[in-house]
Amino acid sequence: MVIGDFMKIIREKCLQGLKKEDKILLSNILDKYERYLKTGHSSTTNFLDKRKKELIKTRLSFIFPVCTFYSIDEICEKCILCIGESEKEITLYYSQSPNMKHNEILATLFQLGFEPDTIGDIWVEQDGFYLTNLTRLNTYLEDNFVLVRGKLVHLEQVAKLELKEEHFSDQQVILSSLRLDNLISKLTPTSRREALRLLETEKVLYNYEVATSPFILVKEQDVLSIRHVGKFIVTEIAGTTKKNKLIVKLRKYK
């Protein structure tokens, strides 16, 4: 069987039952993979969040003899997929720009035309900030990303991420069930009715997707973002209390 016929069969199986966004993502990766098999041409994807990474690992497990995920540090949430012997095309920048805010940096990048999958991780500290960038976009970033809300940006390529501050705080909640609305009501903190309203008005992201159902059962390593509250990762479901309530440990991003 020739490569094209093989890939056609594989493509149909791998894309079955997926929503449009995920079909496009996996189809693009399969195109790059097929091109590598035919020509030896290596390539990389744009940035992938944890949900997309898990989707690729689950649906496209057969590609990993020749493909690898890459990020500049284990603390990173975002990575790229390298197909073949491609360069690790992520650049780490630091700007000694005090009193910056994460949302202002992100908004400026969007205004410059960056798409969500071309924006890497951003870590803001008191004296400056780090960000990761797709190497092919370095020239555009350096030429145009010079101001954030009137504050000067001084980008410098650096080899290593050296965070000086703690970017997470650990916390623990006691739940009657692992339903998503139950966890939201504890983290907000507010009533279950208000938790439902947050879901209905699309104020909640669950594993990087808008969540509207209260019936989702959370599990370890799930990522939850609640607008105006914060971003959390479920680090451990640590057993039960004497009253048979669930002990859930989380890490909140500062």
Protein backbone atom coordinates (compact mmCIF):
# COMPACT_ATOMS: atom_id res chain seq x y z
CA MET A 1 0.00 0.00 0.00
CA VAL A 2 1.42 3.40 -0.98
CA ILE A 3 1.75 6.17 1.60
CA GLY A 4 -1.15 8.22 0.19
CA ASP A 5 -3.62 5.32 0.39
CA PHE A 6 -2.43 4.44 3.90
CA MET A 7 -2.81 8.02 5.10
CA LYS A 8 -6.32 8.28 3.62
CA ILE A 9 -7.46 5.31 5.71
CA ILE A 10 -5.70 6.60 8.82
CA ARG A 11 -7.12 10.09 8.35
CA GLU A 12 -10.72 8.84 8.22
CA LYS A 13 -10.28 6.85 11.44
CA CYS A 14 -8.42 9.56 13.35
CA LEU A 15 -10.84 12.39 12.51
CA GLN A 16 -14.04 10.49 13.10
CA GLY A 17 -16.39 12.07 15.64
CA LEU A 18 -14.31 15.20 16.26
CA LYS A 19 -15.59 18.76 16.24
CA LYS A 20 -14.50 21.03 13.40
CA GLU A 21 -11.67 22.81 15.25
CA ASP A 22 -10.04 19.54 16.28
CA LYS A 23 -10.45 18.02 12.81
CA ILE A 24 -8.60 20.97 11.31
CA LEU A 25 -5.79 20.68 13.87
CA LEU A 26 -5.26 16.94 13.38
CA SER A 27 -5.69 17.15 9.61
CA ASN A 28 -2.93 19.78 9.42
CA ILE A 29 -0.64 17.58 11.51
CA LEU A 30 -1.39 14.56 9.32
CA ASP A 31 -0.55 16.66 6.24
CA LYS A 32 2.84 17.54 7.77
CA TYR A 33 3.40 13.91 8.79
CA GLU A 34 2.55 12.61 5.30
CA ARG A 35 4.86 15.17 3.70
CA TYR A 36 7.66 14.05 6.02
CA LEU A 37 7.13 10.39 5.07
CA LYS A 38 7.20 11.26 1.37
CA THR A 39 9.97 13.85 1.24
CA GLY A 40 11.77 13.87 4.60
CA HIS A 41 10.74 17.52 5.06
CA SER A 42 10.59 18.35 8.78
CA SER A 43 8.23 20.92 10.26
CA THR A 44 6.57 22.11 13.47
CA THR A 45 3.11 23.13 14.61
CA ASN A 46 2.04 26.35 16.29
CA PHE A 47 1.64 26.36 20.08
CA LEU A 48 -0.50 23.62 21.58
CA ASP A 49 -2.24 23.81 24.95
CA LYS A 50 -2.57 20.78 27.21
CA ARG A 51 -5.95 19.74 25.82
CA LYS A 52 -4.67 19.73 22.25
CA LYS A 53 -1.52 17.89 23.32
CA GLU A 54 -3.60 15.13 24.92
CA LEU A 55 -5.84 14.96 21.85
CA ILE A 56 -2.82 14.44 19.60
CA LYS A 57 -1.33 11.81 21.91
CA THR A 58 -4.63 9.92 21.98
CA ARG A 59 -5.68 10.16 18.33
CA LEU A 60 -2.29 10.20 16.60
CA SER A 61 -0.21 7.91 18.78
CA PHE A 62 1.28 6.20 15.71
CA ILE A 63 3.22 9.33 14.67
CA PHE A 64 5.50 9.46 17.72
CA PRO A 65 8.38 7.35 16.45
CA VAL A 66 9.19 10.43 14.31
CA CYS A 67 7.44 13.23 16.24
CA THR A 68 8.14 14.84 19.61
CA PHE A 69 6.61 17.55 21.78
CA TYR A 70 8.90 20.40 22.76
CA SER A 71 8.71 23.25 25.27
CA ILE A 72 11.50 25.39 26.70
CA ASP A 73 10.81 24.40 30.32
CA GLU A 74 8.71 21.83 32.18
CA ILE A 75 6.74 24.64 33.81
CA CYS A 76 5.39 25.70 30.41
CA GLU A 77 1.76 25.06 29.61
CA LYS A 78 2.27 25.36 25.88
CA CYS A 79 4.42 23.30 23.56
CA ILE A 80 4.93 22.64 19.86
CA LEU A 81 4.95 19.35 17.98
CA CYS A 82 8.10 18.67 15.97
CA ILE A 83 7.58 16.40 12.96
CA GLY A 84 10.87 14.80 11.95
CA GLU A 85 14.26 16.28 12.78
CA SER A 86 13.04 19.86 12.86
CA GLU A 87 14.63 22.64 14.87
CA LYS A 88 13.14 23.35 18.29
CA GLU A 89 11.58 26.57 17.02
CA ILE A 90 10.63 28.37 20.25
CA THR A 91 12.47 31.48 21.41
CA LEU A 92 12.45 32.70 25.01
CA TYR A 93 12.41 36.45 25.63
CA TYR A 94 12.79 38.57 28.73
CA SER A 95 11.88 42.24 29.09
CA GLN A 96 13.05 44.22 32.10
CA SER A 97 9.80 46.18 32.21
CA PRO A 98 8.41 46.63 35.74
CA ASN A 99 4.76 46.68 36.76
CA MET A 100 3.38 44.96 33.69
CA LYS A 101 0.11 43.02 33.73
CA HIS A 102 -0.48 39.69 32.02
CA ASN A 103 -3.79 40.71 30.45
CA GLU A 104 -2.28 43.93 29.05
CA ILE A 105 0.59 42.03 27.43
CA LEU A 106 -1.85 39.54 25.95
CA ALA A 107 -4.16 42.28 24.66
CA THR A 108 -1.22 44.04 22.97
CA LEU A 109 -0.16 40.84 21.21
CA PHE A 110 -3.70 40.35 19.93
CA GLN A 111 -3.74 43.94 18.68
CA LEU A 112 -0.54 43.22 16.76
CA GLY A 113 -2.33 40.41 14.95
CA PHE A 114 -1.05 37.39 16.87
CA GLU A 115 -3.50 34.48 16.92
CA PRO A 116 -4.07 32.44 20.11
CA ASP A 117 -1.99 29.54 18.78
CA THR A 118 0.96 31.84 17.97
CA ILE A 119 1.17 33.23 21.53
CA GLY A 120 3.23 31.19 23.94
CA ASP A 121 3.54 31.24 27.72
CA ILE A 122 3.80 34.56 29.56
CA TRP A 123 5.19 34.94 33.08
CA VAL A 124 4.94 38.36 34.70
CA GLU A 125 7.06 39.36 37.68
CA GLN A 126 7.52 42.63 39.51
CA ASP A 127 10.63 43.70 37.59
CA GLY A 128 9.79 42.30 34.15
CA PHE A 129 8.29 39.44 32.20
CA TYR A 130 9.19 36.38 30.13
CA LEU A 131 7.38 35.14 27.07
CA THR A 132 7.88 32.36 24.54
CA ASN A 133 7.53 33.01 20.83
CA LEU A 134 7.53 30.95 17.64
CA THR A 135 11.01 31.54 16.24
CA ARG A 136 9.69 32.23 12.73
CA LEU A 137 7.84 35.26 14.18
CA ASN A 138 10.80 36.72 16.05
CA THR A 139 11.49 39.55 13.63
CA TYR A 140 7.89 40.71 13.63
CA LEU A 141 7.69 40.52 17.43
CA GLU A 142 10.93 42.43 17.97
CA ASP A 143 10.01 45.15 15.44
CA ASN A 144 6.46 45.73 16.68
CA PHE A 145 6.12 44.69 20.31
CA VAL A 146 7.65 47.84 21.80
CA LEU A 147 4.87 49.31 23.98
CA VAL A 148 2.28 47.91 26.38
CA ARG A 149 -0.25 50.52 27.48
CA GLY A 150 2.35 53.27 26.99
CA LYS A 151 5.09 51.36 28.86
CA LEU A 152 8.30 50.52 27.02
CA VAL A 153 9.15 46.89 26.26
CA HIS A 154 12.82 45.89 25.97
CA LEU A 155 12.87 42.36 24.52
CA GLU A 156 16.05 40.33 24.91
CA GLN A 157 16.51 36.71 23.86
CA VAL A 158 17.58 34.57 26.81
CA ALA A 159 18.60 30.93 27.12
CA LYS A 160 16.89 30.01 30.37
CA LEU A 161 13.70 30.73 32.26
CA GLU A 162 14.74 32.04 35.70
CA LEU A 163 11.63 32.96 37.67
CA LYS A 164 12.32 34.80 40.92
CA GLU A 165 8.79 34.80 42.30
CA GLU A 166 6.24 32.13 43.15
CA HIS A 167 3.65 31.96 40.40
CA PHE A 168 1.28 29.51 42.05
CA SER A 169 -0.49 29.10 45.34
CA ASP A 170 -1.80 25.79 46.67
CA GLN A 171 -5.24 25.42 48.15
CA GLN A 172 -7.68 22.73 49.20
CA VAL A 173 -11.45 22.47 49.02
CA ILE A 174 -13.93 19.99 50.46
CA LEU A 175 -16.63 18.86 48.02
CA SER A 176 -19.78 16.79 48.26
CA SER A 177 -19.23 15.67 44.66
CA LEU A 178 -16.80 16.21 41.79
CA ARG A 179 -19.39 17.98 39.64
CA LEU A 180 -18.03 21.07 37.95
CA ASP A 181 -20.67 23.42 39.36
CA ASN A 182 -19.85 22.19 42.86
CA LEU A 183 -16.17 23.02 42.42
CA ILE A 184 -16.97 26.43 40.92
CA SER A 185 -19.18 27.34 43.87
CA LYS A 186 -16.31 26.54 46.25
CA LEU A 187 -13.66 28.45 44.32
CA THR A 188 -15.72 31.55 43.67
CA PRO A 189 -17.02 31.25 46.48
CA THR A 190 -20.71 31.54 45.77
CA SER A 191 -23.93 29.56 45.57
CA ARG A 192 -24.56 26.67 43.22
CA ARG A 193 -27.13 28.86 41.46
CA GLU A 194 -24.49 31.51 40.78
CA ALA A 195 -22.11 28.77 39.61
CA LEU A 196 -24.76 27.69 37.10
CA ARG A 197 -25.10 31.29 35.92
CA LEU A 198 -21.34 31.51 35.33
CA LEU A 199 -21.55 28.38 33.20
CA GLU A 200 -24.62 29.57 31.29
CA THR A 201 -22.97 32.91 30.47
CA GLU A 202 -19.78 31.18 29.27
CA LYS A 203 -17.57 32.61 32.00
CA VAL A 204 -15.86 29.25 32.62
CA LEU A 205 -13.18 27.42 30.64
CA TYR A 206 -12.65 23.75 31.37
CA ASN A 207 -9.48 22.28 29.87
CA TYR A 208 -9.25 25.35 27.60
CA GLU A 209 -12.78 25.05 26.22
CA VAL A 210 -15.93 26.94 27.15
CA ALA A 211 -17.91 24.84 29.63
CA THR A 212 -21.68 25.13 29.99
CA SER A 213 -22.62 21.81 31.58
CA PRO A 214 -22.62 21.53 35.39
CA PHE A 215 -22.48 17.74 35.19
CA ILE A 216 -18.85 17.42 34.14
CA LEU A 217 -16.90 15.41 36.70
CA VAL A 218 -13.52 16.97 37.36
CA LYS A 219 -10.38 14.86 37.61
CA GLU A 220 -6.72 15.28 38.38
CA GLN A 221 -4.76 17.57 36.01
CA ASP A 222 -7.93 19.29 34.77
CA VAL A 223 -7.47 23.03 34.18
CA LEU A 224 -10.25 25.42 35.14
CA SER A 225 -10.46 29.16 34.41
CA ILE A 226 -13.22 31.31 35.92
CA ARG A 227 -13.46 34.86 34.64
CA HIS A 228 -12.53 37.46 37.28
CA VAL A 229 -11.64 34.66 39.72
CA GLY A 230 -8.58 32.93 38.35
CA LYS A 231 -7.07 29.87 36.78
CA PHE A 232 -6.68 26.56 38.62
CA ILE A 233 -5.29 23.10 38.03
CA VAL A 234 -6.59 20.10 39.96
CA THR A 235 -3.42 18.55 41.35
CA GLU A 236 -4.86 15.77 43.51
CA ILE A 237 -8.10 14.17 44.64
CA ALA A 238 -6.73 13.32 48.03
CA GLY A 239 -9.32 11.01 49.54
CA THR A 240 -12.27 11.73 51.82
CA THR A 241 -13.00 13.32 55.18
CA LYS A 242 -14.56 11.51 58.14
CA LYS A 243 -17.93 12.70 56.84
CA ASN A 244 -17.18 11.14 53.45
CA LYS A 245 -16.63 14.47 51.70
CA LEU A 246 -14.05 14.67 48.92
CA ILE A 247 -10.72 16.42 49.51
CA VAL A 248 -9.54 18.17 46.36
CA LYS A 249 -6.17 19.93 46.11
CA LEU A 250 -5.61 22.66 43.53
CA ARG A 251 -2.93 25.02 42.36
CA LYS A 252 -4.00 28.55 41.54
CA TYR A 253 -2.08 30.61 39.05
CA LYS A 254 -1.17 34.02 40.49
